[in-house]
Amino acid sequence: MSNNTIVGLKEKERRRRRVNRLKKTIIGLISFWMLFSLTAIIILTVSLCSSNKRVNKIAEKINSSGDAAEDVVPAEDGTDNPDDYIDDDNPDDSTENFEIEDPEQPNPNDNVDPDAKKVYLTFDDGPSENTEKILDILKEYNVKATFFVIGRTDEYSKSLYKRIVDEGHTIALHSYTHRYSLIYKSLDNYKDDLQRISDLVYDATGVRSKFIRFPGGSSNKVSHVSMRDIIRYVTEEGYVYFDWNAINGDATGKTYTVDELVDNVFKDCGKYDTNVVLMHDAESKTSTVEALPKILDKLIEDGYLILPIDDNTTPVQHIKVSTVVNN
């Protein structure tokens, strides 16, 4: 065998060894990377599971404390009463050992002279999202009011009709369409509109309300029908209609600030033994929602009896029914 042949074979053997080393290096790197990745995935999975457990535990605590504290009555100094909260870390305070009852707000009429002047807060043109907000405020104050509703057939609105009744407020009838030109086109039109809103409220609540408010009031000037004829009809049908003798001004066409809405109420409220305040809970009346707590605070401070309209309420009427029915 020649020297050249021997040298060639050695060179070929060296190349083979280099290739083998390179292959082993690559395989080793790939194996290391796969092992590293698998380890990392396992660690991340364990960490994620642990984190989820912690998050779920925190969420449970938040939900639990939120349910317990949702209706907490503020203490007289404005701070929350720590006795109304649950320590989730203390097994003795867990909900498994006792049932939490929603604290009942005091009735602002409890300490009021029964012969004090009465005020009836009334809201026209709902339901809307503002109706829900107003109901929340009234619930916070434990105050009952009266809602003169219009026709809304969606499920959300029907649920608000029902909530009005379920929470002890008076549901009353305003109109179905609230379209003056249609409602007051003829006596038959008025009858049909009133029957439609009565049926809608009855279907949603089981209440056949007998309290009504004419769109624009009994003294409106837009009706093509004599309001005296309409008054005779509703009286014969057993309805009692209510106008108002105080307003917050949210339907006057002028934009009032929240404080001005409050001031408007008290310009007239208190002049009479029975005060019926006209306000609106339509979708656009957000300022009325903002003004309501201030109105309630002042009514309570001034010692009014705040009541919903019922059979004992003296009707406030611009055109008194006695001047129509008895003549």
Protein backbone atom coordinates (compact mmCIF):
# COMPACT_ATOMS: atom_id res chain seq x y z
CA MET A 1 0.00 0.00 0.00
CA SER A 2 1.47 3.33 -1.04
CA ASN A 3 2.05 6.19 1.30
CA ASN A 4 -0.54 8.29 -0.52
CA THR A 5 -3.15 5.67 0.06
CA ILE A 6 -2.30 5.44 3.74
CA VAL A 7 -2.44 9.24 4.14
CA GLY A 8 -5.83 9.30 2.41
CA LEU A 9 -7.26 6.68 4.68
CA LYS A 10 -6.05 8.53 7.77
CA GLU A 11 -7.57 11.75 6.56
CA LYS A 12 -10.85 10.00 5.84
CA GLU A 13 -10.82 8.49 9.37
CA ARG A 14 -10.21 11.93 10.92
CA ARG A 15 -13.11 13.39 8.96
CA ARG A 16 -15.38 10.58 10.11
CA ARG A 17 -14.42 11.21 13.72
CA ARG A 18 -15.04 14.94 13.37
CA VAL A 19 -18.44 14.27 11.87
CA ASN A 20 -19.27 11.85 14.68
CA ARG A 21 -18.20 14.39 17.32
CA LEU A 22 -20.31 17.06 15.62
CA LYS A 23 -23.29 14.74 15.53
CA LYS A 24 -22.87 13.91 19.21
CA THR A 25 -22.56 17.61 20.03
CA ILE A 26 -25.74 18.45 18.12
CA ILE A 27 -27.64 15.53 19.65
CA GLY A 28 -26.41 16.57 23.09
CA LEU A 29 -27.54 20.17 22.56
CA ILE A 30 -30.92 19.05 21.29
CA SER A 31 -31.33 16.66 24.21
CA PHE A 32 -30.33 19.39 26.67
CA TRP A 33 -32.74 21.88 25.12
CA MET A 34 -35.60 19.39 25.17
CA LEU A 35 -34.91 18.51 28.79
CA PHE A 36 -34.62 22.18 29.72
CA SER A 37 -37.87 23.02 27.93
CA LEU A 38 -39.71 20.11 29.54
CA THR A 39 -38.44 21.13 32.96
CA ALA A 40 -39.47 24.73 32.36
CA ILE A 41 -42.93 23.65 31.21
CA ILE A 42 -43.39 21.51 34.31
CA ILE A 43 -42.26 24.35 36.58
CA LEU A 44 -44.54 26.87 34.84
CA THR A 45 -47.49 24.48 34.97
CA VAL A 46 -47.04 23.90 38.70
CA SER A 47 -46.62 27.63 39.28
CA LEU A 48 -49.72 28.43 37.21
CA CYS A 49 -51.83 25.90 39.09
CA SER A 50 -50.64 27.31 42.37
CA SER A 51 -51.37 30.84 41.22
CA ASN A 52 -54.85 29.84 40.08
CA LYS A 53 -55.56 28.36 43.47
CA ARG A 54 -54.41 31.57 45.17
CA VAL A 55 -56.47 33.70 42.79
CA ASN A 56 -59.55 31.57 43.35
CA LYS A 57 -59.09 31.77 47.08
CA ILE A 58 -58.73 35.55 46.93
CA ALA A 59 -61.79 35.80 44.68
CA GLU A 60 -63.79 33.70 47.09
CA LYS A 61 -62.78 35.97 49.94
CA ILE A 62 -63.67 39.06 47.96
CA ASN A 63 -67.05 37.64 46.97
CA SER A 64 -67.75 36.52 50.49
CA SER A 65 -66.82 39.82 52.06
CA GLY A 66 -68.64 41.69 49.30
CA ASP A 67 -71.86 39.78 49.91
CA ALA A 68 -71.58 40.37 53.63
CA ALA A 69 -70.76 44.05 53.40
CA GLU A 70 -73.01 45.05 50.53
CA ASP A 71 -75.76 46.40 52.77
CA VAL A 72 -73.64 47.41 55.74
CA VAL A 73 -75.14 50.28 57.69
CA PRO A 74 -72.57 53.07 58.20
CA ALA A 75 -71.86 53.90 61.82
CA GLU A 76 -72.82 57.32 63.11
CA ASP A 77 -69.28 58.61 62.74
CA GLY A 78 -69.32 57.77 59.04
CA THR A 79 -67.09 54.69 59.31
CA ASP A 80 -68.21 51.15 58.69
CA ASN A 81 -68.97 49.01 61.68
CA PRO A 82 -66.26 46.31 61.81
CA ASP A 83 -68.72 43.96 63.49
CA ASP A 84 -70.67 43.83 60.23
CA TYR A 85 -67.76 42.21 58.37
CA ILE A 86 -66.52 38.61 58.37
CA ASP A 87 -62.94 37.58 58.95
CA ASP A 88 -62.44 34.82 56.40
CA ASP A 89 -59.22 33.75 58.09
CA ASN A 90 -61.00 33.05 61.37
CA PRO A 91 -63.00 29.81 61.27
CA ASP A 92 -65.16 31.02 64.14
CA ASP A 93 -66.42 33.84 61.92
CA SER A 94 -67.09 31.76 58.81
CA THR A 95 -70.48 31.73 57.13
CA GLU A 96 -70.68 28.02 57.87
CA ASN A 97 -71.40 28.81 61.53
CA PHE A 98 -74.17 31.36 61.16
CA GLU A 99 -76.44 32.93 58.59
CA ILE A 100 -75.84 36.54 57.62
CA GLU A 101 -78.93 38.70 57.40
CA ASP A 102 -79.06 41.92 55.43
CA PRO A 103 -79.25 44.79 57.92
CA GLU A 104 -82.55 46.63 57.74
CA GLN A 105 -82.38 50.37 57.32
CA PRO A 106 -84.37 52.39 59.87
CA ASN A 107 -87.61 53.87 58.63
CA PRO A 108 -87.18 57.68 58.56
CA ASN A 109 -90.87 58.06 59.45
CA ASP A 110 -90.52 56.18 62.75
CA ASN A 111 -89.61 59.26 64.79
CA VAL A 112 -91.77 61.74 62.88
CA ASP A 113 -94.92 63.30 64.32
CA PRO A 114 -97.84 61.46 62.66
CA ASP A 115 -99.51 64.86 62.21
CA ALA A 116 -96.49 66.24 60.35
CA LYS A 117 -96.80 67.46 56.78
CA LYS A 118 -96.79 64.67 54.23
CA VAL A 119 -94.72 64.53 51.08
CA TYR A 120 -95.24 62.13 48.21
CA LEU A 121 -92.31 61.75 45.83
CA THR A 122 -93.59 60.83 42.38
CA PHE A 123 -91.68 59.89 39.24
CA ASP A 124 -93.14 60.02 35.73
CA ASP A 125 -92.11 58.51 32.37
CA GLY A 126 -90.19 55.44 33.53
CA PRO A 127 -89.07 52.76 33.61
CA SER A 128 -85.47 53.28 32.51
CA GLU A 129 -82.00 52.72 33.91
CA ASN A 130 -82.59 55.82 36.03
CA THR A 131 -85.58 54.06 37.59
CA GLU A 132 -83.22 51.35 38.77
CA LYS A 133 -80.84 53.93 40.24
CA ILE A 134 -83.70 55.73 41.97
CA LEU A 135 -84.94 52.46 43.43
CA ASP A 136 -81.44 51.79 44.77
CA ILE A 137 -81.39 55.21 46.48
CA LEU A 138 -84.88 54.78 47.94
CA LYS A 139 -83.87 51.37 49.24
CA GLU A 140 -80.80 52.87 50.91
CA TYR A 141 -82.99 55.43 52.68
CA ASN A 142 -85.83 52.95 53.32
CA VAL A 143 -88.22 55.39 51.67
CA LYS A 144 -91.23 54.52 49.52
CA ALA A 145 -92.35 56.54 46.50
CA THR A 146 -94.81 56.44 43.61
CA PHE A 147 -93.99 55.68 39.97
CA PHE A 148 -96.35 56.76 37.19
CA VAL A 149 -95.14 54.45 34.45
CA ILE A 150 -95.47 54.36 30.67
CA GLY A 151 -95.51 51.38 28.32
CA ARG A 152 -92.30 49.37 27.96
CA THR A 153 -92.55 45.74 26.83
CA ASP A 154 -88.90 44.62 27.04
CA GLU A 155 -87.98 42.19 29.81
CA TYR A 156 -85.74 44.70 31.62
CA SER A 157 -88.59 47.20 31.91
CA LYS A 158 -91.00 44.50 33.04
CA SER A 159 -88.54 43.53 35.76
CA LEU A 160 -88.52 47.16 36.93
CA TYR A 161 -92.33 47.24 37.09
CA LYS A 162 -92.11 44.19 39.31
CA ARG A 163 -89.30 45.58 41.43
CA ILE A 164 -91.31 48.74 42.10
CA VAL A 165 -94.11 46.60 43.52
CA ASP A 166 -91.90 44.06 45.29
CA GLU A 167 -90.05 46.80 47.20
CA GLY A 168 -93.23 48.38 48.53
CA HIS A 169 -93.57 51.36 46.23
CA THR A 170 -96.79 52.35 44.51
CA ILE A 171 -96.97 51.63 40.81
CA ALA A 172 -99.36 53.97 39.05
CA LEU A 173 -100.39 54.60 35.45
CA HIS A 174 -99.26 57.51 33.30
CA SER A 175 -99.90 56.35 29.74
CA TYR A 176 -98.91 53.61 27.35
CA THR A 177 -97.56 55.61 24.41
CA HIS A 178 -97.00 59.01 26.08
CA ARG A 179 -97.86 60.53 22.71
CA TYR A 180 -100.14 63.45 23.52
CA SER A 181 -101.38 63.84 19.94
CA LEU A 182 -102.51 60.22 19.90
CA ILE A 183 -103.76 59.88 23.47
CA TYR A 184 -105.85 63.05 23.43
CA LYS A 185 -107.14 62.72 19.86
CA SER A 186 -110.41 61.30 21.11
CA LEU A 187 -111.97 59.88 24.26
CA ASP A 188 -111.79 56.40 22.75
CA ASN A 189 -108.06 56.89 22.15
CA TYR A 190 -107.56 57.83 25.76
CA LYS A 191 -109.58 54.82 26.95
CA ASP A 192 -107.55 52.48 24.75
CA ASP A 193 -104.20 53.90 25.89
CA LEU A 194 -105.17 53.68 29.57
CA GLN A 195 -106.36 50.09 29.19
CA ARG A 196 -103.12 49.08 27.47
CA ILE A 197 -100.88 50.43 30.22
CA SER A 198 -103.17 48.96 32.89
CA ASP A 199 -102.99 45.51 31.27
CA LEU A 200 -99.21 45.71 30.79
CA VAL A 201 -98.61 46.57 34.45
CA TYR A 202 -101.03 43.88 35.60
CA ASP A 203 -99.33 41.23 33.45
CA ALA A 204 -95.90 42.20 34.82
CA THR A 205 -96.82 42.65 38.49
CA GLY A 206 -100.24 41.19 39.23
CA VAL A 207 -101.35 44.64 40.40
CA ARG A 208 -104.34 46.36 38.83
CA SER A 209 -103.44 49.93 39.72
CA LYS A 210 -106.20 52.49 40.17
CA PHE A 211 -103.93 55.52 40.55
CA ILE A 212 -103.27 57.54 37.40
CA ARG A 213 -101.68 60.77 36.25
CA PHE A 214 -102.80 62.36 33.03
CA PRO A 215 -99.96 63.20 30.61
CA GLY A 216 -99.56 66.95 31.09
CA GLY A 217 -101.85 66.87 34.12
CA SER A 218 -105.60 67.40 34.41
CA SER A 219 -105.17 71.05 33.42
CA ASN A 220 -103.19 70.39 30.21
CA LYS A 221 -104.04 72.57 27.21
CA VAL A 222 -103.15 70.12 24.46
CA SER A 223 -106.04 67.66 24.69
CA HIS A 224 -108.50 67.68 21.79
CA VAL A 225 -110.99 66.12 24.19
CA SER A 226 -112.49 67.93 27.14
CA MET A 227 -110.52 66.90 30.21
CA ARG A 228 -113.78 67.03 32.12
CA ASP A 229 -115.09 64.20 29.92
CA ILE A 230 -111.94 62.20 30.55
CA ILE A 231 -112.18 62.88 34.30
CA ARG A 232 -115.77 61.64 34.32
CA TYR A 233 -114.73 58.48 32.51
CA VAL A 234 -111.79 57.58 34.77
CA THR A 235 -113.82 58.34 37.90
CA GLU A 236 -116.64 56.08 36.75
CA GLU A 237 -114.04 53.35 36.13
CA GLY A 238 -112.77 53.65 39.71
CA TYR A 239 -109.51 55.47 39.00
CA VAL A 240 -108.09 58.25 41.18
CA TYR A 241 -105.97 60.83 39.38
CA PHE A 242 -103.15 62.84 40.90
CA ASP A 243 -101.55 66.06 39.73
CA TRP A 244 -98.84 67.85 41.75
CA ASN A 245 -98.21 70.96 43.82
CA ALA A 246 -94.38 70.91 43.87
CA ILE A 247 -91.85 70.25 41.14
CA ASN A 248 -88.10 69.87 40.83
CA GLY A 249 -88.21 71.42 37.37
CA ASP A 250 -86.66 68.56 35.43
CA ALA A 251 -89.33 68.80 32.71
CA THR A 252 -89.58 72.57 32.29
CA GLY A 253 -87.26 72.75 29.30
CA LYS A 254 -84.62 74.56 31.35
CA THR A 255 -81.46 72.82 32.44
CA TYR A 256 -81.03 73.04 36.20
CA THR A 257 -78.05 72.08 38.30
CA VAL A 258 -78.47 69.44 40.98
CA ASP A 259 -78.65 72.07 43.72
CA GLU A 260 -81.21 74.06 41.74
CA LEU A 261 -83.39 70.95 41.38
CA VAL A 262 -83.28 70.55 45.16
CA ASP A 263 -84.11 74.22 45.73
CA ASN A 264 -87.03 74.00 43.31
CA VAL A 265 -88.63 71.22 45.34
CA PHE A 266 -88.51 73.22 48.56
CA LYS A 267 -89.86 76.42 47.03
CA ASP A 268 -93.32 74.85 47.18
CA CYS A 269 -92.89 71.79 49.36
CA GLY A 270 -94.22 72.57 52.81
CA LYS A 271 -96.90 75.03 51.76
CA TYR A 272 -99.52 72.32 52.08
CA ASP A 273 -100.38 69.51 54.44
CA THR A 274 -100.15 67.12 51.47
CA ASN A 275 -97.27 67.78 49.11
CA VAL A 276 -97.01 65.83 45.84
CA VAL A 277 -93.65 66.37 44.17
CA LEU A 278 -93.38 65.89 40.41
CA MET A 279 -90.10 64.42 39.15
CA HIS A 280 -89.13 62.21 36.24
CA ASP A 281 -87.19 58.97 35.91
CA ALA A 282 -86.86 58.89 32.12
CA GLU A 283 -83.51 57.93 30.64
CA SER A 284 -82.32 61.52 30.25
CA LYS A 285 -83.07 62.62 33.84
CA THR A 286 -79.69 61.82 35.37
CA SER A 287 -79.62 65.09 37.34
CA THR A 288 -82.81 64.04 39.10
CA VAL A 289 -81.04 60.88 40.25
CA GLU A 290 -78.12 62.93 41.55
CA ALA A 291 -80.43 65.36 43.35
CA LEU A 292 -82.57 62.71 45.05
CA PRO A 293 -80.27 61.98 48.03
CA LYS A 294 -80.07 65.69 48.84
CA ILE A 295 -83.85 66.01 48.62
CA LEU A 296 -84.29 63.03 50.93
CA ASP A 297 -81.73 64.33 53.42
CA LYS A 298 -83.53 67.66 53.70
CA LEU A 299 -87.00 66.11 53.90
CA ILE A 300 -85.84 63.85 56.72
CA GLU A 301 -84.05 66.70 58.48
CA ASP A 302 -87.15 68.92 58.24
CA GLY A 303 -89.39 66.21 59.71
CA TYR A 304 -91.68 65.34 56.80
CA LEU A 305 -93.59 62.09 56.56
CA ILE A 306 -92.39 60.59 53.27
CA LEU A 307 -95.04 58.28 51.88
CA PRO A 308 -96.17 56.44 48.75
CA ILE A 309 -99.59 57.26 47.34
CA ASP A 310 -102.26 54.93 48.67
CA ASP A 311 -105.97 54.87 49.48
CA ASN A 312 -105.42 57.27 52.38
CA THR A 313 -103.71 59.94 50.29
CA THR A 314 -105.63 63.15 49.73
CA PRO A 315 -105.56 63.66 45.93
CA VAL A 316 -103.85 66.79 44.65
CA GLN A 317 -105.76 67.83 41.53
CA HIS A 318 -105.55 70.89 39.34
CA ILE A 319 -109.13 70.26 38.21
CA LYS A 320 -110.80 68.81 41.26
CA VAL A 321 -112.92 65.77 40.59
CA SER A 322 -115.69 67.20 42.78
CA THR A 323 -116.15 70.10 40.36
CA VAL A 324 -116.71 67.67 37.48
CA VAL A 325 -118.59 64.70 38.87
CA ASN A 326 -120.97 66.67 41.08
CA ASN A 327 -121.90 69.15 38.38
